[in-house]
Amino acid sequence: MEQIRGKSILNRIAIGRIRYYKKEKGTLTERGVADIDLELSRYDRACDVAETELNALYEKACAQVGTANAAVFKVHSLMIRDADFRRFVVQMIAEQGVNAEEAVTLAGDHFCRMFSELEDDYFKERAADIRDISDRLVRILSGIQENAWVLKEPVIVAACDLAPSETVQMDKNMLLGFVTEQGSSNSHTAILARSMGIPALVSVPVKEEWDGKMAVIDGEDGVLYLDPDEKTIRRMEEKMASARERERLLLELREKEDVTADGTKVRLYGNIGGEADVDEILKYNGAGIGLFRTEFLYLEKETYPTEEEQYQVYRRVAERMNGREVIIRTLDIGADKQADYLGLEREENPALGFRAIRICLKRPDMFKTQLRAIYRAGMYGNIAVMFPMITSLRDL
């Protein structure tokens, strides 16, 4: 038996055989370009196809992990249309005379390197998103169809890395867990794994020769057991049974009052990214919604959502919560969440730059549209408002 330590993504256990996953990429064939306009047209068509694929993934992910966690695919759609990324690709094709496949690969390498060199861990992780979209474009340009990897039996998937799109497309009923060499607890794939309840370890030196071997993921201690002995399997099965019992006991508390042993009453709220997420709040009898992330209403659109569109969503959420508090956060966009129609300029440090309340105060028509929708919806429930990124009395 071999023990390999990694970083745990979810405090759960999985027992099963390993299936090694090798990513199918597009073929990078370097060649000179005789017709630049034709090559640019190929690139534009690939962007259109990629956007269609990502929209389908977004719909599937919404059903599996909720609107907020599915938003990664909306972000990828926006990144594909990013002006700087496109400018780089066009320049490579027009000035260097390379084909679209090589131009996209060079663009991906350039921006991956740029993000990887940043000090902020969150923005370092965005390098993986850039690699995902550049791989997608090269695959489309190479004429390879996107196919979900079919799992015929429950397995632990081992891979060098898994993109969010690959994780969502795997059959959750057949995916016991996964281990990867790359990735971190902040990656979009890790966030999706937690939302789907899938045990996972990252920073594990994965080997293709593991394919078919019996293994155990111990998410509690962050250990992968290869070829575990019977004693280890029994111990892990006991831990799994204990965890299931804890979860069963917790679910029995759903209908009980939220009060501590000394009599202090508390209110347990949940966060949502769209009205579809209300199901989870109600399922666990949440006392309210602590944060309604309204930016996803803007990311899903190609232009500003109207007052009426926003009002209808806010009203339905308020009505479904039936008097429980709903805290709506006004638009918090910028940084990693961009919408082309907002026309935001690229910044050196977007996380602390022109975003959230700063945008709203500079664009009162957009801000007032949202506020009117919130106030109107307030007639149908218990709505409060949160303003993001308030840093001074002047902001307030």
Protein backbone atom coordinates (compact mmCIF):
# COMPACT_ATOMS: atom_id res chain seq x y z
CA MET A 1 0.00 0.00 0.00
CA GLU A 2 1.26 3.46 -0.93
CA GLN A 3 0.25 6.70 0.82
CA ILE A 4 0.48 9.98 -1.09
CA ARG A 5 -0.33 13.29 0.54
CA GLY A 6 -2.19 16.04 -1.31
CA LYS A 7 -4.37 19.06 -0.62
CA SER A 8 -7.97 18.22 0.18
CA ILE A 9 -10.84 20.02 -1.55
CA LEU A 10 -13.69 18.42 0.37
CA ASN A 11 -13.73 16.75 3.78
CA ARG A 12 -15.14 13.46 2.45
CA ILE A 13 -13.98 9.94 1.55
CA ALA A 14 -14.14 7.97 -1.71
CA ILE A 15 -13.29 4.30 -2.28
CA GLY A 16 -12.98 2.80 -5.77
CA ARG A 17 -10.83 2.02 -8.77
CA ILE A 18 -8.83 4.72 -10.54
CA ARG A 19 -9.57 5.71 -14.11
CA TYR A 20 -6.81 7.78 -15.67
CA TYR A 21 -8.08 10.69 -17.76
CA LYS A 22 -5.99 11.96 -20.64
CA LYS A 23 -7.20 15.21 -22.10
CA GLU A 24 -7.90 15.28 -25.83
CA LYS A 25 -6.51 18.47 -27.27
CA GLY A 26 -6.63 20.02 -30.68
CA THR A 27 -3.65 19.50 -32.96
CA LEU A 28 -1.31 22.45 -33.23
CA THR A 29 -0.07 22.54 -36.79
CA GLU A 30 2.15 25.51 -37.52
CA ARG A 31 1.80 26.78 -41.07
CA GLY A 32 2.04 30.01 -42.96
CA VAL A 33 -1.15 31.82 -43.91
CA ALA A 34 -1.82 32.86 -47.49
CA ASP A 35 -5.29 34.37 -46.88
CA ILE A 36 -5.31 36.47 -43.68
CA ASP A 37 -9.01 37.35 -43.93
CA LEU A 38 -9.92 33.67 -44.23
CA GLU A 39 -7.84 32.84 -41.15
CA LEU A 40 -9.43 35.67 -39.15
CA SER A 41 -12.84 34.37 -40.21
CA ARG A 42 -11.90 30.88 -38.96
CA TYR A 43 -10.97 32.38 -35.60
CA ASP A 44 -14.26 34.31 -35.35
CA ARG A 45 -16.29 31.18 -36.19
CA ALA A 46 -14.39 29.24 -33.51
CA CYS A 47 -15.29 31.94 -30.97
CA ASP A 48 -18.97 31.62 -31.94
CA VAL A 49 -18.89 27.83 -31.51
CA ALA A 50 -17.07 28.13 -28.18
CA GLU A 51 -19.68 30.57 -26.91
CA THR A 52 -22.47 28.15 -27.87
CA GLU A 53 -20.72 25.31 -26.04
CA LEU A 54 -20.17 27.42 -22.92
CA ASN A 55 -23.80 28.55 -22.84
CA ALA A 56 -24.88 24.89 -22.89
CA LEU A 57 -22.43 24.10 -20.09
CA TYR A 58 -23.79 27.04 -18.09
CA GLU A 59 -27.35 25.69 -18.31
CA LYS A 60 -26.20 22.22 -17.23
CA ALA A 61 -24.13 23.59 -14.36
CA CYS A 62 -27.01 25.77 -13.13
CA ALA A 63 -29.07 22.62 -12.60
CA GLN A 64 -26.20 20.83 -10.83
CA VAL A 65 -24.49 23.47 -8.71
CA GLY A 66 -26.62 26.63 -8.83
CA THR A 67 -26.31 29.92 -10.69
CA ALA A 68 -23.43 31.37 -8.68
CA ASN A 69 -21.12 28.38 -9.15
CA ALA A 70 -22.13 27.98 -12.80
CA ALA A 71 -21.08 31.57 -13.52
CA VAL A 72 -17.55 30.38 -14.36
CA PHE A 73 -18.88 29.45 -17.81
CA LYS A 74 -20.31 32.94 -18.31
CA VAL A 75 -16.93 34.34 -17.31
CA HIS A 76 -15.23 32.05 -19.86
CA SER A 77 -17.61 33.34 -22.56
CA LEU A 78 -16.60 36.89 -21.72
CA MET A 79 -12.90 35.97 -21.71
CA ILE A 80 -13.21 34.52 -25.22
CA ARG A 81 -14.48 37.91 -26.39
CA ASP A 82 -11.86 39.83 -24.37
CA ALA A 83 -10.52 42.70 -26.48
CA ASP A 84 -6.88 42.19 -25.45
CA PHE A 85 -6.97 38.45 -26.17
CA ARG A 86 -8.53 39.06 -29.58
CA ARG A 87 -6.07 41.86 -30.37
CA PHE A 88 -3.15 39.53 -29.64
CA VAL A 89 -4.58 36.75 -31.86
CA VAL A 90 -5.35 39.14 -34.73
CA GLN A 91 -1.86 40.64 -34.51
CA MET A 92 -0.24 37.20 -34.66
CA ILE A 93 -2.29 36.25 -37.73
CA ALA A 94 -2.03 39.56 -39.57
CA GLU A 95 1.57 40.55 -38.75
CA GLN A 96 3.32 37.24 -38.07
CA GLY A 97 1.41 35.25 -40.70
CA VAL A 98 0.68 32.30 -38.40
CA ASN A 99 -2.50 30.23 -38.53
CA ALA A 100 -5.35 30.66 -36.05
CA GLU A 101 -4.41 27.57 -34.01
CA GLU A 102 -0.89 28.83 -33.34
CA ALA A 103 -2.09 32.42 -32.75
CA VAL A 104 -4.56 31.26 -30.08
CA THR A 105 -1.91 29.06 -28.44
CA LEU A 106 0.55 31.98 -28.32
CA ALA A 107 -2.14 34.25 -26.88
CA GLY A 108 -2.99 31.65 -24.24
CA ASP A 109 0.69 31.23 -23.31
CA HIS A 110 1.17 35.00 -23.07
CA PHE A 111 -1.81 35.71 -20.81
CA CYS A 112 -1.28 32.55 -18.71
CA ARG A 113 2.27 33.71 -18.02
CA MET A 114 1.06 37.22 -17.20
CA PHE A 115 -1.52 35.99 -14.64
CA SER A 116 0.81 33.36 -13.17
CA GLU A 117 3.33 36.06 -12.28
CA LEU A 118 0.83 38.08 -10.22
CA GLU A 119 1.18 37.93 -6.43
CA ASP A 120 -2.54 37.60 -5.70
CA ASP A 121 -3.47 33.89 -5.44
CA TYR A 122 -6.97 34.50 -6.81
CA PHE A 123 -5.66 36.07 -10.01
CA LYS A 124 -2.95 33.43 -10.33
CA GLU A 125 -5.75 30.87 -10.60
CA ARG A 126 -7.25 32.73 -13.56
CA ALA A 127 -4.31 31.46 -15.62
CA ALA A 128 -6.05 28.06 -15.58
CA ASP A 129 -9.21 29.67 -17.00
CA ILE A 130 -7.22 31.22 -19.84
CA ARG A 131 -5.63 27.85 -20.59
CA ASP A 132 -9.10 26.27 -20.65
CA ILE A 133 -10.51 28.74 -23.18
CA SER A 134 -7.41 28.65 -25.42
CA ASP A 135 -7.50 24.82 -25.42
CA ARG A 136 -11.20 24.97 -26.31
CA LEU A 137 -10.57 27.29 -29.26
CA VAL A 138 -7.66 25.19 -30.58
CA ARG A 139 -9.81 22.05 -30.32
CA ILE A 140 -12.62 23.71 -32.31
CA LEU A 141 -10.18 25.04 -34.92
CA SER A 142 -8.78 21.49 -35.24
CA GLY A 143 -12.27 20.13 -35.97
CA ILE A 144 -12.55 17.99 -32.81
CA GLN A 145 -16.05 17.76 -31.34
CA GLU A 146 -16.56 18.26 -27.61
CA ASN A 147 -17.69 14.99 -26.09
CA ALA A 148 -18.36 14.26 -22.45
CA TRP A 149 -16.00 11.62 -21.10
CA VAL A 150 -18.22 8.57 -20.52
CA LEU A 151 -17.82 6.80 -17.18
CA LYS A 152 -19.30 3.31 -17.38
CA GLU A 153 -18.83 2.46 -13.71
CA PRO A 154 -18.22 4.38 -10.45
CA VAL A 155 -14.54 5.41 -10.44
CA ILE A 156 -12.01 7.82 -8.98
CA VAL A 157 -10.71 9.98 -11.84
CA ALA A 158 -6.98 10.75 -11.87
CA ALA A 159 -5.65 13.44 -14.20
CA CYS A 160 -2.90 15.98 -14.64
CA ASP A 161 -5.61 18.62 -14.40
CA LEU A 162 -9.36 18.98 -14.90
CA ALA A 163 -11.05 22.02 -16.38
CA PRO A 164 -14.43 23.15 -14.98
CA SER A 165 -16.10 22.06 -18.24
CA GLU A 166 -14.65 18.54 -17.94
CA THR A 167 -15.76 18.25 -14.31
CA VAL A 168 -19.36 19.32 -14.99
CA GLN A 169 -19.76 16.99 -17.98
CA MET A 170 -18.78 13.85 -16.06
CA ASP A 171 -21.70 11.78 -14.77
CA LYS A 172 -21.92 12.71 -11.09
CA ASN A 173 -23.38 9.27 -10.27
CA MET A 174 -20.28 7.59 -11.68
CA LEU A 175 -17.70 10.06 -10.31
CA LEU A 176 -16.67 8.91 -6.84
CA GLY A 177 -13.92 11.52 -6.58
CA PHE A 178 -10.86 12.86 -8.39
CA VAL A 179 -7.18 13.50 -7.83
CA THR A 180 -5.15 15.95 -9.92
CA GLU A 181 -1.55 17.09 -10.12
CA GLN A 182 -2.39 20.71 -10.83
CA GLY A 183 -5.03 23.03 -9.39
CA SER A 184 -5.66 24.49 -5.95
CA SER A 185 -8.47 24.97 -3.46
CA ASN A 186 -9.21 28.35 -5.11
CA SER A 187 -9.62 26.99 -8.64
CA HIS A 188 -13.01 26.97 -10.35
CA THR A 189 -12.80 23.18 -10.66
CA ALA A 190 -12.31 22.88 -6.89
CA ILE A 191 -15.27 25.17 -6.26
CA LEU A 192 -17.45 23.04 -8.54
CA ALA A 193 -16.27 19.83 -6.84
CA ARG A 194 -17.26 21.19 -3.43
CA SER A 195 -20.64 22.30 -4.75
CA MET A 196 -21.25 18.84 -6.27
CA GLY A 197 -20.13 17.10 -3.06
CA ILE A 198 -17.25 15.27 -4.79
CA PRO A 199 -14.19 14.27 -2.69
CA ALA A 200 -11.02 15.54 -4.35
CA LEU A 201 -7.30 15.95 -3.80
CA VAL A 202 -4.98 18.30 -5.71
CA SER A 203 -1.16 18.61 -5.77
CA VAL A 204 -0.85 14.82 -6.18
CA PRO A 205 1.89 13.52 -8.57
CA VAL A 206 -0.54 11.54 -10.75
CA LYS A 207 0.76 8.65 -12.92
CA GLU A 208 -0.94 7.03 -15.90
CA GLU A 209 0.12 3.59 -14.59
CA TRP A 210 -2.40 4.00 -11.72
CA ASP A 211 -5.22 3.26 -14.15
CA GLY A 212 -7.28 0.33 -12.81
CA LYS A 213 -5.74 0.33 -9.35
CA MET A 214 -7.85 0.32 -6.19
CA ALA A 215 -7.60 3.57 -4.23
CA VAL A 216 -9.03 5.59 -1.35
CA ILE A 217 -9.34 9.37 -1.15
CA ASP A 218 -9.26 10.46 2.49
CA GLY A 219 -10.44 14.04 2.27
CA GLU A 220 -10.35 14.41 6.04
CA ASP A 221 -6.58 13.88 6.26
CA GLY A 222 -5.63 14.80 2.67
CA VAL A 223 -4.20 11.38 1.77
CA LEU A 224 -4.51 9.12 -1.28
CA TYR A 225 -4.10 5.39 -0.54
CA LEU A 226 -3.01 3.31 -3.55
CA ASP A 227 -3.69 -0.44 -3.35
CA PRO A 228 -5.08 -0.09 0.20
CA ASP A 229 -5.08 -3.17 2.44
CA GLU A 230 -8.30 -4.55 3.93
CA LYS A 231 -7.66 -2.93 7.29
CA THR A 232 -7.40 0.53 5.67
CA ILE A 233 -10.55 -0.01 3.59
CA ARG A 234 -12.52 -1.08 6.70
CA ARG A 235 -11.26 1.98 8.59
CA MET A 236 -12.29 4.28 5.73
CA GLU A 237 -15.70 2.62 5.43
CA GLU A 238 -16.24 3.25 9.15
CA LYS A 239 -15.30 6.92 8.66
CA MET A 240 -17.77 7.18 5.75
CA ALA A 241 -20.55 5.63 7.85
CA SER A 242 -19.78 8.02 10.70
CA ALA A 243 -19.91 11.01 8.32
CA ARG A 244 -23.27 9.88 6.89
CA GLU A 245 -24.66 9.57 10.41
CA ARG A 246 -23.47 13.09 11.29
CA GLU A 247 -25.16 14.43 8.17
CA ARG A 248 -28.39 12.57 9.01
CA LEU A 249 -28.42 14.04 12.51
CA LEU A 250 -27.78 17.53 11.16
CA LEU A 251 -30.71 17.22 8.74
CA GLU A 252 -32.96 16.42 11.70
CA LEU A 253 -32.26 19.93 12.96
CA ARG A 254 -33.74 21.61 9.87
CA GLU A 255 -37.11 22.35 11.42
CA LYS A 256 -35.78 23.26 14.86
CA GLU A 257 -35.30 26.81 16.12
CA ASP A 258 -31.87 28.35 15.51
CA VAL A 259 -30.76 28.87 19.10
CA THR A 260 -27.53 28.16 20.99
CA ALA A 261 -27.27 26.19 24.24
CA ASP A 262 -27.30 29.41 26.31
CA GLY A 263 -30.50 30.61 24.65
CA THR A 264 -29.01 33.02 22.06
CA LYS A 265 -31.09 33.13 18.91
CA VAL A 266 -29.23 33.26 15.59
CA ARG A 267 -30.34 33.49 11.97
CA LEU A 268 -28.73 31.09 9.50
CA TYR A 269 -28.83 32.59 6.00
CA GLY A 270 -27.61 31.30 2.63
CA ASN A 271 -26.17 33.10 -0.40
CA ILE A 272 -27.57 32.85 -3.94
CA GLY A 273 -26.58 33.88 -7.44
CA GLY A 274 -30.04 33.55 -9.00
CA GLU A 275 -33.60 32.47 -8.30
CA ALA A 276 -32.81 28.80 -9.04
CA ASP A 277 -30.63 28.74 -5.91
CA VAL A 278 -33.62 29.50 -3.67
CA ASP A 279 -34.44 25.77 -3.75
CA GLU A 280 -31.37 25.00 -1.63
CA ILE A 281 -32.21 27.71 0.93
CA LEU A 282 -35.72 26.34 1.33
CA LYS A 283 -34.50 22.71 1.34
CA TYR A 284 -32.44 23.36 4.46
CA ASN A 285 -34.98 25.76 5.99
CA GLY A 286 -32.66 28.77 5.89
CA ALA A 287 -33.82 31.79 7.87
CA GLY A 288 -33.22 34.05 4.87
CA ILE A 289 -30.92 35.03 2.03
CA GLY A 290 -27.79 36.75 3.27
CA LEU A 291 -26.55 37.79 -0.15
CA PHE A 292 -28.25 37.85 -3.54
CA ARG A 293 -25.44 38.35 -6.06
CA THR A 294 -27.24 40.39 -8.71
CA GLU A 295 -24.23 40.68 -11.05
CA PHE A 296 -25.21 37.39 -12.67
CA LEU A 297 -28.31 39.10 -14.07
CA TYR A 298 -25.89 41.37 -15.94
CA LEU A 299 -23.40 38.66 -16.96
CA GLU A 300 -26.19 36.61 -18.58
CA LYS A 301 -27.20 39.49 -20.85
CA GLU A 302 -25.64 41.09 -23.92
CA THR A 303 -26.90 44.49 -22.79
CA TYR A 304 -28.17 46.10 -19.58
CA PRO A 305 -31.06 44.18 -17.97
CA THR A 306 -34.16 46.36 -17.85
CA GLU A 307 -35.97 47.48 -14.73
CA GLU A 308 -38.86 45.13 -15.52
CA GLU A 309 -36.56 42.11 -16.06
CA GLN A 310 -34.82 42.71 -12.73
CA TYR A 311 -38.07 43.44 -10.88
CA GLN A 312 -39.62 40.14 -11.98
CA VAL A 313 -36.62 38.15 -10.68
CA TYR A 314 -36.42 40.02 -7.36
CA ARG A 315 -40.17 39.72 -6.87
CA ARG A 316 -40.22 35.96 -7.50
CA VAL A 317 -37.36 35.42 -5.03
CA ALA A 318 -39.06 37.58 -2.38
CA GLU A 319 -42.38 35.77 -2.83
CA ARG A 320 -40.78 32.33 -2.60
CA MET A 321 -39.01 33.28 0.63
CA ASN A 322 -42.45 34.14 2.04
CA GLY A 323 -41.51 36.86 4.52
CA ARG A 324 -37.96 35.69 5.28
CA GLU A 325 -35.35 38.39 4.78
CA VAL A 326 -33.74 38.70 1.33
CA ILE A 327 -30.62 40.88 1.24
CA ILE A 328 -30.04 42.04 -2.34
CA ARG A 329 -26.54 43.25 -3.15
CA THR A 330 -26.48 45.96 -5.78
CA LEU A 331 -24.33 45.39 -8.84
CA ASP A 332 -20.83 44.20 -7.93
CA ILE A 333 -19.17 43.89 -11.30
CA GLY A 334 -15.62 44.56 -12.43
CA ALA A 335 -12.39 42.72 -11.50
CA ASP A 336 -12.88 39.10 -12.69
CA LYS A 337 -16.56 39.64 -13.60
CA GLN A 338 -16.74 41.68 -16.81
CA ALA A 339 -19.49 42.46 -19.31
CA ASP A 340 -18.38 43.90 -22.65
CA TYR A 341 -21.31 46.30 -22.91
CA LEU A 342 -20.14 48.10 -19.76
CA GLY A 343 -17.03 49.21 -21.64
CA LEU A 344 -14.69 48.95 -18.65
CA GLU A 345 -11.02 49.69 -19.30
CA ARG A 346 -8.36 47.17 -18.27
CA GLU A 347 -6.66 48.01 -14.95
CA GLU A 348 -3.45 46.94 -13.24
CA ASN A 349 -5.33 45.97 -10.06
CA PRO A 350 -9.01 45.49 -11.00
CA ALA A 351 -9.93 43.91 -7.64
CA LEU A 352 -9.43 47.31 -5.98
CA GLY A 353 -10.22 49.47 -8.99
CA PHE A 354 -13.31 50.71 -10.83
CA ARG A 355 -15.93 48.22 -9.73
CA ALA A 356 -19.11 47.73 -7.68
CA ILE A 357 -20.46 50.92 -6.05
CA ARG A 358 -17.82 53.01 -7.83
CA ILE A 359 -19.30 52.07 -11.21
CA CYS A 360 -22.86 52.56 -9.94
CA LEU A 361 -22.15 56.07 -8.60
CA LYS A 362 -20.56 57.05 -11.92
CA ARG A 363 -23.50 55.63 -13.91
CA PRO A 364 -26.61 56.79 -12.05
CA ASP A 365 -29.06 55.73 -14.79
CA MET A 366 -27.94 52.11 -14.50
CA PHE A 367 -27.89 52.31 -10.69
CA LYS A 368 -31.33 53.89 -10.39
CA THR A 369 -32.79 51.28 -12.74
CA GLN A 370 -31.67 48.55 -10.37
CA LEU A 371 -32.83 50.42 -7.26
CA ARG A 372 -36.30 51.02 -8.74
CA ALA A 373 -36.60 47.29 -9.50
CA ILE A 374 -35.57 46.40 -5.92
CA TYR A 375 -37.97 48.90 -4.34
CA ARG A 376 -40.88 47.67 -6.45
CA ALA A 377 -40.13 44.05 -5.53
CA GLY A 378 -40.05 45.10 -1.87
CA MET A 379 -43.86 45.20 -1.94
CA TYR A 380 -43.87 41.39 -2.18
CA GLY A 381 -41.49 40.35 0.58
CA ASN A 382 -38.94 41.30 3.22
CA ILE A 383 -36.16 42.86 1.15
CA ALA A 384 -33.03 44.65 2.38
CA VAL A 385 -30.23 46.18 0.29
CA MET A 386 -26.47 45.76 0.57
CA PHE A 387 -24.09 48.19 -1.14
CA PRO A 388 -20.71 46.61 -2.03
CA MET A 389 -17.25 48.19 -1.68
CA ILE A 390 -18.25 51.12 0.55
CA THR A 391 -14.92 52.54 1.72
CA SER A 392 -15.83 55.98 3.05
CA LEU A 393 -18.62 58.13 4.46
CA ARG A 394 -18.60 59.97 1.13
CA ASP A 395 -19.46 56.72 -0.70
CA LEU A 396 -22.42 56.19 1.63
